[in-house]
Amino acid sequence: MSTFVMIILFGCAIGVVFALIMISLNRITARVFEQYGVRLKDANFIVNQGRPPESWVEPFRRQLAATSSGLDSSTRIGERAKKLCLKRLKFLLRFMEKGKFYDNERTRVTVLKALRREYERWTVADGVQLILEEGEEYSEE
């Protein structure tokens, strides 16, 4: 009788471990797909809007709005934002170069050219203007 109970317990333990592995794999897969989706949306936004995605610059916009110390402080915020945006765009470029999700080579080349063009433009852009919304001007008050 005790051997039978041990076999049942062992079978249940194997089932629980297997279920935990499956749940973990499902969560990991969902997270990977979510990250891919965010990166593709970011690339699409940059190509179509010609500026960093809102999620990249919103914290810096809040800091800029809260800054009353003058031009020097806003310039530092802008430069930090620019540095982070360039770093993220470089990472996004590498991701898009290695990606196998294009329908054809022409699409791949078009997307990569547009992202590289934005990288070059952001490199010489003013940090504060980079984080402002399109058409918005920064004024010291």
C-alpha atoms as a PDB file:
ATOM      1  CA  MET A   1       0.000   0.000   0.000  1.00  0.00           C
ATOM      2  CA  SER A   2       2.766   2.474   0.805  1.00  0.00           C
ATOM      3  CA  THR A   3       4.458   1.821  -2.579  1.00  0.00           C
ATOM      4  CA  PHE A   4       1.194   2.635  -4.316  1.00  0.00           C
ATOM      5  CA  VAL A   5       0.864   5.889  -2.340  1.00  0.00           C
ATOM      6  CA  MET A   6       4.466   6.795  -3.151  1.00  0.00           C
ATOM      7  CA  ILE A   7       3.832   6.245  -6.873  1.00  0.00           C
ATOM      8  CA  ILE A   8       0.711   8.433  -6.731  1.00  0.00           C
ATOM      9  CA  LEU A   9       2.586  11.185  -4.843  1.00  0.00           C
ATOM     10  CA  PHE A  10       5.491  10.986  -7.272  1.00  0.00           C
ATOM     11  CA  GLY A  11       3.089  11.260 -10.225  1.00  0.00           C
ATOM     12  CA  CYS A  12       1.397  14.288  -8.650  1.00  0.00           C
ATOM     13  CA  ALA A  13       4.762  15.942  -8.006  1.00  0.00           C
ATOM     14  CA  ILE A  14       5.780  15.394 -11.628  1.00  0.00           C
ATOM     15  CA  GLY A  15       2.451  16.877 -12.753  1.00  0.00           C
ATOM     16  CA  VAL A  16       2.883  19.956 -10.543  1.00  0.00           C
ATOM     17  CA  VAL A  17       6.442  20.523 -11.769  1.00  0.00           C
ATOM     18  CA  PHE A  18       5.321  20.138 -15.378  1.00  0.00           C
ATOM     19  CA  ALA A  19       2.434  22.597 -14.823  1.00  0.00           C
ATOM     20  CA  LEU A  20       4.805  25.155 -13.258  1.00  0.00           C
ATOM     21  CA  ILE A  21       7.205  24.810 -16.180  1.00  0.00           C
ATOM     22  CA  MET A  22       4.368  25.342 -18.668  1.00  0.00           C
ATOM     23  CA  ILE A  23       3.079  28.411 -16.805  1.00  0.00           C
ATOM     24  CA  SER A  24       6.590  29.878 -16.696  1.00  0.00           C
ATOM     25  CA  LEU A  25       7.133  29.260 -20.413  1.00  0.00           C
ATOM     26  CA  ASN A  26       3.799  30.892 -21.249  1.00  0.00           C
ATOM     27  CA  ARG A  27       4.685  33.980 -19.214  1.00  0.00           C
ATOM     28  CA  ILE A  28       8.152  34.230 -20.753  1.00  0.00           C
ATOM     29  CA  THR A  29       6.712  33.869 -24.254  1.00  0.00           C
ATOM     30  CA  ALA A  30       4.086  36.525 -23.595  1.00  0.00           C
ATOM     31  CA  ARG A  31       6.741  38.905 -22.266  1.00  0.00           C
ATOM     32  CA  VAL A  32       8.970  38.374 -25.317  1.00  0.00           C
ATOM     33  CA  PHE A  33       6.072  39.037 -27.692  1.00  0.00           C
ATOM     34  CA  GLU A  34       5.159  42.144 -25.698  1.00  0.00           C
ATOM     35  CA  GLN A  35       8.730  43.468 -25.927  1.00  0.00           C
ATOM     36  CA  TYR A  36       8.833  42.796 -29.672  1.00  0.00           C
ATOM     37  CA  GLY A  37       5.534  44.620 -30.052  1.00  0.00           C
ATOM     38  CA  VAL A  38       6.804  47.651 -28.128  1.00  0.00           C
ATOM     39  CA  ARG A  39       9.987  47.802 -30.204  1.00  0.00           C
ATOM     40  CA  LEU A  40       8.077  47.552 -33.467  1.00  0.00           C
ATOM     41  CA  LYS A  41       5.654  50.280 -32.329  1.00  0.00           C
ATOM     42  CA  ASP A  42       8.597  52.485 -31.327  1.00  0.00           C
ATOM     43  CA  ALA A  43      10.236  51.991 -34.728  1.00  0.00           C
ATOM     44  CA  ASN A  44       6.970  52.728 -36.501  1.00  0.00           C
ATOM     45  CA  PHE A  45       6.449  55.894 -34.440  1.00  0.00           C
ATOM     46  CA  ILE A  46       9.983  57.149 -35.134  1.00  0.00           C
ATOM     47  CA  VAL A  47       9.731  56.471 -38.869  1.00  0.00           C
ATOM     48  CA  ASN A  48       6.298  58.103 -39.192  1.00  0.00           C
ATOM     49  CA  GLN A  49       6.582  60.970 -36.693  1.00  0.00           C
ATOM     50  CA  GLY A  50      10.297  61.777 -36.901  1.00  0.00           C
ATOM     51  CA  ARG A  51      10.678  62.098 -33.147  1.00  0.00           C
ATOM     52  CA  PRO A  52      11.200  59.887 -30.085  1.00  0.00           C
ATOM     53  CA  PRO A  53       8.251  57.892 -28.765  1.00  0.00           C
ATOM     54  CA  GLU A  54       6.330  59.430 -25.887  1.00  0.00           C
ATOM     55  CA  SER A  55       7.473  56.737 -23.453  1.00  0.00           C
ATOM     56  CA  TRP A  56      11.101  57.726 -24.083  1.00  0.00           C
ATOM     57  CA  VAL A  57      10.706  61.444 -23.453  1.00  0.00           C
ATOM     58  CA  GLU A  58       7.781  61.863 -21.060  1.00  0.00           C
ATOM     59  CA  PRO A  59       9.900  61.677 -17.863  1.00  0.00           C
ATOM     60  CA  PHE A  60      12.168  64.385 -19.256  1.00  0.00           C
ATOM     61  CA  ARG A  61       9.182  66.538 -20.201  1.00  0.00           C
ATOM     62  CA  ARG A  62       7.959  66.348 -16.608  1.00  0.00           C
ATOM     63  CA  GLN A  63      11.423  67.328 -15.348  1.00  0.00           C
ATOM     64  CA  LEU A  64      11.551  70.186 -17.825  1.00  0.00           C
ATOM     65  CA  ALA A  65       8.125  71.427 -16.753  1.00  0.00           C
ATOM     66  CA  ALA A  66       9.156  71.284 -13.099  1.00  0.00           C
ATOM     67  CA  THR A  67      12.427  73.120 -13.727  1.00  0.00           C
ATOM     68  CA  SER A  68      12.476  76.746 -12.750  1.00  0.00           C
ATOM     69  CA  SER A  69      16.242  77.056 -12.433  1.00  0.00           C
ATOM     70  CA  GLY A  70      16.811  78.451 -15.885  1.00  0.00           C
ATOM     71  CA  LEU A  71      18.466  77.591 -19.145  1.00  0.00           C
ATOM     72  CA  ASP A  72      21.432  75.689 -17.693  1.00  0.00           C
ATOM     73  CA  SER A  73      19.197  73.186 -15.926  1.00  0.00           C
ATOM     74  CA  SER A  74      16.935  72.707 -18.951  1.00  0.00           C
ATOM     75  CA  THR A  75      20.010  72.208 -21.168  1.00  0.00           C
ATOM     76  CA  ARG A  76      21.268  69.449 -18.838  1.00  0.00           C
ATOM     77  CA  ILE A  77      17.869  67.745 -18.914  1.00  0.00           C
ATOM     78  CA  GLY A  78      17.788  68.024 -22.706  1.00  0.00           C
ATOM     79  CA  GLU A  79      21.270  66.560 -23.078  1.00  0.00           C
ATOM     80  CA  ARG A  80      20.446  63.626 -20.786  1.00  0.00           C
ATOM     81  CA  ALA A  81      17.272  63.003 -22.781  1.00  0.00           C
ATOM     82  CA  LYS A  82      19.148  63.217 -26.074  1.00  0.00           C
ATOM     83  CA  LYS A  83      21.816  60.795 -24.848  1.00  0.00           C
ATOM     84  CA  LEU A  84      19.184  58.281 -23.717  1.00  0.00           C
ATOM     85  CA  CYS A  85      17.147  58.638 -26.931  1.00  0.00           C
ATOM     86  CA  LEU A  86      20.252  58.078 -29.067  1.00  0.00           C
ATOM     87  CA  LYS A  87      21.197  55.035 -27.005  1.00  0.00           C
ATOM     88  CA  ARG A  88      17.705  53.576 -27.334  1.00  0.00           C
ATOM     89  CA  LEU A  89      17.564  54.338 -31.055  1.00  0.00           C
ATOM     90  CA  LYS A  90      20.938  52.644 -31.594  1.00  0.00           C
ATOM     91  CA  PHE A  91      19.638  49.564 -29.741  1.00  0.00           C
ATOM     92  CA  LEU A  92      16.439  49.679 -31.809  1.00  0.00           C
ATOM     93  CA  LEU A  93      18.477  49.889 -35.016  1.00  0.00           C
ATOM     94  CA  ARG A  94      20.442  46.761 -34.057  1.00  0.00           C
ATOM     95  CA  PHE A  95      17.189  44.985 -33.200  1.00  0.00           C
ATOM     96  CA  MET A  96      15.623  45.950 -36.520  1.00  0.00           C
ATOM     97  CA  GLU A  97      18.766  44.956 -38.477  1.00  0.00           C
ATOM     98  CA  LYS A  98      18.742  41.453 -36.993  1.00  0.00           C
ATOM     99  CA  GLY A  99      14.968  41.000 -37.176  1.00  0.00           C
ATOM    100  CA  LYS A 100      13.398  38.434 -39.469  1.00  0.00           C
ATOM    101  CA  PHE A 101       9.960  40.037 -39.462  1.00  0.00           C
ATOM    102  CA  TYR A 102      10.031  41.963 -42.752  1.00  0.00           C
ATOM    103  CA  ASP A 103       7.839  40.956 -45.660  1.00  0.00           C
ATOM    104  CA  ASN A 104      10.679  41.624 -48.123  1.00  0.00           C
ATOM    105  CA  GLU A 105      14.178  43.085 -48.343  1.00  0.00           C
ATOM    106  CA  ARG A 106      12.937  46.394 -49.747  1.00  0.00           C
ATOM    107  CA  THR A 107      10.831  47.026 -46.640  1.00  0.00           C
ATOM    108  CA  ARG A 108      13.789  46.188 -44.424  1.00  0.00           C
ATOM    109  CA  VAL A 109      16.060  48.623 -46.275  1.00  0.00           C
ATOM    110  CA  THR A 110      13.432  51.381 -46.181  1.00  0.00           C
ATOM    111  CA  VAL A 111      12.858  51.045 -42.442  1.00  0.00           C
ATOM    112  CA  LEU A 112      16.567  50.896 -41.622  1.00  0.00           C
ATOM    113  CA  LYS A 113      17.333  53.937 -43.814  1.00  0.00           C
ATOM    114  CA  ALA A 114      14.600  55.937 -42.100  1.00  0.00           C
ATOM    115  CA  LEU A 115      15.853  54.967 -38.633  1.00  0.00           C
ATOM    116  CA  ARG A 116      19.476  55.772 -39.540  1.00  0.00           C
ATOM    117  CA  ARG A 117      18.348  59.135 -40.930  1.00  0.00           C
ATOM    118  CA  GLU A 118      16.604  59.905 -37.643  1.00  0.00           C
ATOM    119  CA  TYR A 119      19.693  58.850 -35.696  1.00  0.00           C
ATOM    120  CA  GLU A 120      21.827  61.297 -37.691  1.00  0.00           C
ATOM    121  CA  ARG A 121      19.245  64.044 -37.265  1.00  0.00           C
ATOM    122  CA  TRP A 122      18.969  63.461 -33.510  1.00  0.00           C
ATOM    123  CA  THR A 123      22.758  63.505 -33.166  1.00  0.00           C
ATOM    124  CA  VAL A 124      22.875  67.173 -34.163  1.00  0.00           C
ATOM    125  CA  ALA A 125      19.492  68.152 -32.688  1.00  0.00           C
ATOM    126  CA  ASP A 126      19.050  70.310 -29.608  1.00  0.00           C
ATOM    127  CA  GLY A 127      18.213  68.055 -26.653  1.00  0.00           C
ATOM    128  CA  VAL A 128      15.386  70.215 -25.343  1.00  0.00           C
ATOM    129  CA  GLN A 129      13.710  70.519 -28.754  1.00  0.00           C
ATOM    130  CA  LEU A 130      14.051  66.747 -29.223  1.00  0.00           C
ATOM    131  CA  ILE A 131      11.906  65.996 -26.190  1.00  0.00           C
ATOM    132  CA  LEU A 132       9.231  68.613 -26.823  1.00  0.00           C
ATOM    133  CA  GLU A 133       6.082  67.691 -28.677  1.00  0.00           C
ATOM    134  CA  GLU A 134       5.908  68.580 -32.339  1.00  0.00           C
ATOM    135  CA  GLY A 135       5.326  72.280 -32.773  1.00  0.00           C
ATOM    136  CA  GLU A 136       5.910  73.025 -29.091  1.00  0.00           C
ATOM    137  CA  GLU A 137       8.473  75.675 -28.201  1.00  0.00           C
ATOM    138  CA  TYR A 138      10.366  75.890 -24.934  1.00  0.00           C
ATOM    139  CA  SER A 139      10.422  79.259 -23.270  1.00  0.00           C
ATOM    140  CA  GLU A 140      12.201  80.328 -20.096  1.00  0.00           C
ATOM    141  CA  GLU A 141       9.847  82.106 -17.732  1.00  0.00           C
END
